[in-house]
Amino acid sequence: QVRNVTATFNPAPSPTFNLLSSNNIYATILKGKEGNSTITNVWVDPLNGFDSDVALTVLPAIPLGGSPALPVSSIFNLSRTKISAPYTDEAEFYVNIGAPGLPNSGTYRYEIPIQGKSGSITKTTNIFLNLIIKKPGWEEI
């Protein structure tokens, strides 16, 4: 007796990666003074045998909820612009917030996308900056 058997094979998933960050960042500065945010780490999580270099780029900050734009003198600091297999290295990221153009006081929030690109694959992780500006002479007790 002859039996016909049909088998369906699904192709293996394509190699890819996720781009991840450890936490949001925070900064408290006095009006008229620059300051640094806290640090977060960015890393590559390879999937399905992915083993290529990933180039990192910081994209412009997006003000949220009526926050003013960050001053143009602000500097995005990324400790490395490439992460390679076996992906044991991480990139540290923080913001040096420039002083000119900020309001006198208030709490503001920003979304800062960091993009990872490898060939035709592009992934993004969004880091949120929480910024508090205090008036000079104001003290917490």
C-alpha atoms as a PDB file:
ATOM      1  CA  GLN A   1       0.000   0.000   0.000  1.00  0.00           C
ATOM      2  CA  VAL A   2       1.266   3.481  -0.887  1.00  0.00           C
ATOM      3  CA  ARG A   3       0.735   6.450   1.415  1.00  0.00           C
ATOM      4  CA  ASN A   4       1.254  10.033   0.470  1.00  0.00           C
ATOM      5  CA  VAL A   5       2.810  12.090   3.211  1.00  0.00           C
ATOM      6  CA  THR A   6       2.971  15.857   3.114  1.00  0.00           C
ATOM      7  CA  ALA A   7       5.502  17.638   5.274  1.00  0.00           C
ATOM      8  CA  THR A   8       5.687  21.370   5.814  1.00  0.00           C
ATOM      9  CA  PHE A   9       8.950  22.915   6.865  1.00  0.00           C
ATOM     10  CA  ASN A  10       9.078  26.421   8.238  1.00  0.00           C
ATOM     11  CA  PRO A  11      12.279  28.291   7.490  1.00  0.00           C
ATOM     12  CA  ALA A  12      14.459  29.161  10.454  1.00  0.00           C
ATOM     13  CA  PRO A  13      13.867  32.683  11.782  1.00  0.00           C
ATOM     14  CA  SER A  14      16.227  35.313  10.389  1.00  0.00           C
ATOM     15  CA  PRO A  15      19.097  36.525  12.547  1.00  0.00           C
ATOM     16  CA  THR A  16      18.228  39.822  14.224  1.00  0.00           C
ATOM     17  CA  PHE A  17      18.786  41.706  17.473  1.00  0.00           C
ATOM     18  CA  ASN A  18      17.063  43.818  20.092  1.00  0.00           C
ATOM     19  CA  LEU A  19      18.540  47.068  21.387  1.00  0.00           C
ATOM     20  CA  LEU A  20      17.959  47.507  25.122  1.00  0.00           C
ATOM     21  CA  SER A  21      18.689  50.047  27.851  1.00  0.00           C
ATOM     22  CA  SER A  22      18.963  49.594  31.605  1.00  0.00           C
ATOM     23  CA  ASN A  23      16.965  52.579  32.897  1.00  0.00           C
ATOM     24  CA  ASN A  24      15.702  56.106  32.351  1.00  0.00           C
ATOM     25  CA  ILE A  25      18.000  59.020  33.181  1.00  0.00           C
ATOM     26  CA  TYR A  26      17.503  61.984  35.526  1.00  0.00           C
ATOM     27  CA  ALA A  27      19.050  65.402  36.067  1.00  0.00           C
ATOM     28  CA  THR A  28      18.494  68.181  38.582  1.00  0.00           C
ATOM     29  CA  ILE A  29      20.162  71.483  37.714  1.00  0.00           C
ATOM     30  CA  LEU A  30      20.064  75.105  38.831  1.00  0.00           C
ATOM     31  CA  LYS A  31      18.741  77.702  36.371  1.00  0.00           C
ATOM     32  CA  GLY A  32      21.671  79.142  34.446  1.00  0.00           C
ATOM     33  CA  LYS A  33      23.979  76.213  35.217  1.00  0.00           C
ATOM     34  CA  GLU A  34      24.738  73.194  33.068  1.00  0.00           C
ATOM     35  CA  GLY A  35      24.637  69.717  34.503  1.00  0.00           C
ATOM     36  CA  ASN A  36      24.903  66.021  33.731  1.00  0.00           C
ATOM     37  CA  SER A  37      22.177  63.418  33.830  1.00  0.00           C
ATOM     38  CA  THR A  38      22.558  60.028  35.424  1.00  0.00           C
ATOM     39  CA  ILE A  39      23.917  57.214  33.226  1.00  0.00           C
ATOM     40  CA  THR A  40      22.126  54.367  31.494  1.00  0.00           C
ATOM     41  CA  ASN A  41      23.639  51.413  29.637  1.00  0.00           C
ATOM     42  CA  VAL A  42      22.678  50.347  26.113  1.00  0.00           C
ATOM     43  CA  TRP A  43      23.359  46.831  24.843  1.00  0.00           C
ATOM     44  CA  VAL A  44      22.622  44.406  22.011  1.00  0.00           C
ATOM     45  CA  ASP A  45      20.621  41.233  22.596  1.00  0.00           C
ATOM     46  CA  PRO A  46      21.359  38.925  19.607  1.00  0.00           C
ATOM     47  CA  LEU A  47      18.596  36.629  18.353  1.00  0.00           C
ATOM     48  CA  ASN A  48      18.620  33.609  16.013  1.00  0.00           C
ATOM     49  CA  GLY A  49      22.397  33.493  15.548  1.00  0.00           C
ATOM     50  CA  PHE A  50      22.884  37.213  14.880  1.00  0.00           C
ATOM     51  CA  ASP A  51      26.622  38.052  15.020  1.00  0.00           C
ATOM     52  CA  SER A  52      27.212  41.308  13.097  1.00  0.00           C
ATOM     53  CA  ASP A  53      28.417  44.716  14.276  1.00  0.00           C
ATOM     54  CA  VAL A  54      25.727  47.164  15.401  1.00  0.00           C
ATOM     55  CA  ALA A  55      26.352  50.890  14.845  1.00  0.00           C
ATOM     56  CA  LEU A  56      24.771  53.181  17.456  1.00  0.00           C
ATOM     57  CA  THR A  57      23.414  56.670  16.837  1.00  0.00           C
ATOM     58  CA  VAL A  58      21.655  59.082  19.195  1.00  0.00           C
ATOM     59  CA  LEU A  59      18.674  60.769  17.528  1.00  0.00           C
ATOM     60  CA  PRO A  60      17.345  64.225  18.518  1.00  0.00           C
ATOM     61  CA  ALA A  61      15.531  64.483  21.847  1.00  0.00           C
ATOM     62  CA  ILE A  62      11.738  64.735  21.646  1.00  0.00           C
ATOM     63  CA  PRO A  63      10.188  67.100  24.245  1.00  0.00           C
ATOM     64  CA  LEU A  64       7.129  65.528  25.913  1.00  0.00           C
ATOM     65  CA  GLY A  65       4.064  67.117  27.499  1.00  0.00           C
ATOM     66  CA  GLY A  66       4.856  70.734  26.656  1.00  0.00           C
ATOM     67  CA  SER A  67       8.524  70.560  27.698  1.00  0.00           C
ATOM     68  CA  PRO A  68      10.776  73.108  25.971  1.00  0.00           C
ATOM     69  CA  ALA A  69      13.421  71.888  23.540  1.00  0.00           C
ATOM     70  CA  LEU A  70      16.738  71.007  25.124  1.00  0.00           C
ATOM     71  CA  PRO A  71      19.311  73.773  24.555  1.00  0.00           C
ATOM     72  CA  VAL A  72      21.432  73.285  21.431  1.00  0.00           C
ATOM     73  CA  SER A  73      24.498  73.357  23.691  1.00  0.00           C
ATOM     74  CA  SER A  74      23.375  70.050  25.270  1.00  0.00           C
ATOM     75  CA  ILE A  75      25.665  67.128  24.444  1.00  0.00           C
ATOM     76  CA  PHE A  76      24.607  63.492  24.085  1.00  0.00           C
ATOM     77  CA  ASN A  77      27.453  61.319  25.372  1.00  0.00           C
ATOM     78  CA  LEU A  78      27.640  57.743  24.102  1.00  0.00           C
ATOM     79  CA  SER A  79      30.760  55.833  25.245  1.00  0.00           C
ATOM     80  CA  ARG A  80      30.911  53.754  22.067  1.00  0.00           C
ATOM     81  CA  THR A  81      29.323  53.982  18.623  1.00  0.00           C
ATOM     82  CA  LYS A  82      29.649  50.293  17.748  1.00  0.00           C
ATOM     83  CA  ILE A  83      28.945  47.062  19.608  1.00  0.00           C
ATOM     84  CA  SER A  84      30.343  43.808  18.209  1.00  0.00           C
ATOM     85  CA  ALA A  85      29.824  40.084  18.846  1.00  0.00           C
ATOM     86  CA  PRO A  86      29.901  38.472  21.373  1.00  0.00           C
ATOM     87  CA  TYR A  87      28.060  41.574  22.689  1.00  0.00           C
ATOM     88  CA  THR A  88      29.639  41.616  26.129  1.00  0.00           C
ATOM     89  CA  ASP A  89      30.306  45.370  25.856  1.00  0.00           C
ATOM     90  CA  GLU A  90      27.699  47.993  26.631  1.00  0.00           C
ATOM     91  CA  ALA A  91      27.578  51.660  25.706  1.00  0.00           C
ATOM     92  CA  GLU A  92      27.133  54.150  28.540  1.00  0.00           C
ATOM     93  CA  PHE A  93      24.859  57.080  27.748  1.00  0.00           C
ATOM     94  CA  TYR A  94      24.215  60.374  29.530  1.00  0.00           C
ATOM     95  CA  VAL A  95      23.312  63.954  28.636  1.00  0.00           C
ATOM     96  CA  ASN A  96      25.265  67.106  29.464  1.00  0.00           C
ATOM     97  CA  ILE A  97      22.442  69.653  29.632  1.00  0.00           C
ATOM     98  CA  GLY A  98      23.394  73.124  28.450  1.00  0.00           C
ATOM     99  CA  ALA A  99      22.273  76.157  30.422  1.00  0.00           C
ATOM    100  CA  PRO A 100      21.099  78.775  27.899  1.00  0.00           C
ATOM    101  CA  GLY A 101      17.434  78.798  26.972  1.00  0.00           C
ATOM    102  CA  LEU A 102      15.984  76.759  29.803  1.00  0.00           C
ATOM    103  CA  PRO A 103      13.020  78.012  31.863  1.00  0.00           C
ATOM    104  CA  ASN A 104      13.558  79.359  35.402  1.00  0.00           C
ATOM    105  CA  SER A 105      12.241  76.236  37.068  1.00  0.00           C
ATOM    106  CA  GLY A 106      10.063  73.207  36.515  1.00  0.00           C
ATOM    107  CA  THR A 107      10.017  69.517  35.734  1.00  0.00           C
ATOM    108  CA  TYR A 108      10.377  68.426  32.127  1.00  0.00           C
ATOM    109  CA  ARG A 109      10.511  65.143  30.252  1.00  0.00           C
ATOM    110  CA  TYR A 110      12.212  64.078  27.022  1.00  0.00           C
ATOM    111  CA  GLU A 111      12.338  60.945  24.895  1.00  0.00           C
ATOM    112  CA  ILE A 112      15.786  60.269  23.451  1.00  0.00           C
ATOM    113  CA  PRO A 113      15.872  57.519  20.804  1.00  0.00           C
ATOM    114  CA  ILE A 114      19.087  55.560  20.359  1.00  0.00           C
ATOM    115  CA  GLN A 115      19.204  53.670  17.087  1.00  0.00           C
ATOM    116  CA  GLY A 116      21.155  50.497  16.359  1.00  0.00           C
ATOM    117  CA  LYS A 117      21.786  49.600  12.723  1.00  0.00           C
ATOM    118  CA  SER A 118      23.322  46.514  11.152  1.00  0.00           C
ATOM    119  CA  GLY A 119      22.893  46.035   7.421  1.00  0.00           C
ATOM    120  CA  SER A 120      19.161  46.277   6.677  1.00  0.00           C
ATOM    121  CA  ILE A 121      18.168  45.816  10.340  1.00  0.00           C
ATOM    122  CA  THR A 122      17.390  48.928  12.388  1.00  0.00           C
ATOM    123  CA  LYS A 123      16.227  48.814  16.010  1.00  0.00           C
ATOM    124  CA  THR A 124      15.580  51.629  18.475  1.00  0.00           C
ATOM    125  CA  THR A 125      15.519  51.897  22.243  1.00  0.00           C
ATOM    126  CA  ASN A 126      13.934  54.980  23.801  1.00  0.00           C
ATOM    127  CA  ILE A 127      15.506  56.526  26.869  1.00  0.00           C
ATOM    128  CA  PHE A 128      13.479  58.998  28.899  1.00  0.00           C
ATOM    129  CA  LEU A 129      15.208  61.994  30.492  1.00  0.00           C
ATOM    130  CA  ASN A 130      13.481  63.541  33.506  1.00  0.00           C
ATOM    131  CA  LEU A 131      14.853  67.054  34.066  1.00  0.00           C
ATOM    132  CA  ILE A 132      14.224  69.239  37.112  1.00  0.00           C
ATOM    133  CA  ILE A 133      15.331  72.879  36.989  1.00  0.00           C
ATOM    134  CA  LYS A 134      15.480  74.750  40.297  1.00  0.00           C
ATOM    135  CA  LYS A 135      15.804  78.486  40.873  1.00  0.00           C
ATOM    136  CA  PRO A 136      19.155  79.535  42.340  1.00  0.00           C
ATOM    137  CA  GLY A 137      18.965  79.976  46.083  1.00  0.00           C
ATOM    138  CA  TRP A 138      16.154  77.426  46.437  1.00  0.00           C
ATOM    139  CA  GLU A 139      17.063  74.668  48.862  1.00  0.00           C
ATOM    140  CA  GLU A 140      15.503  71.410  49.904  1.00  0.00           C
ATOM    141  CA  ILE A 141      15.387  70.880  53.640  1.00  0.00           C
END
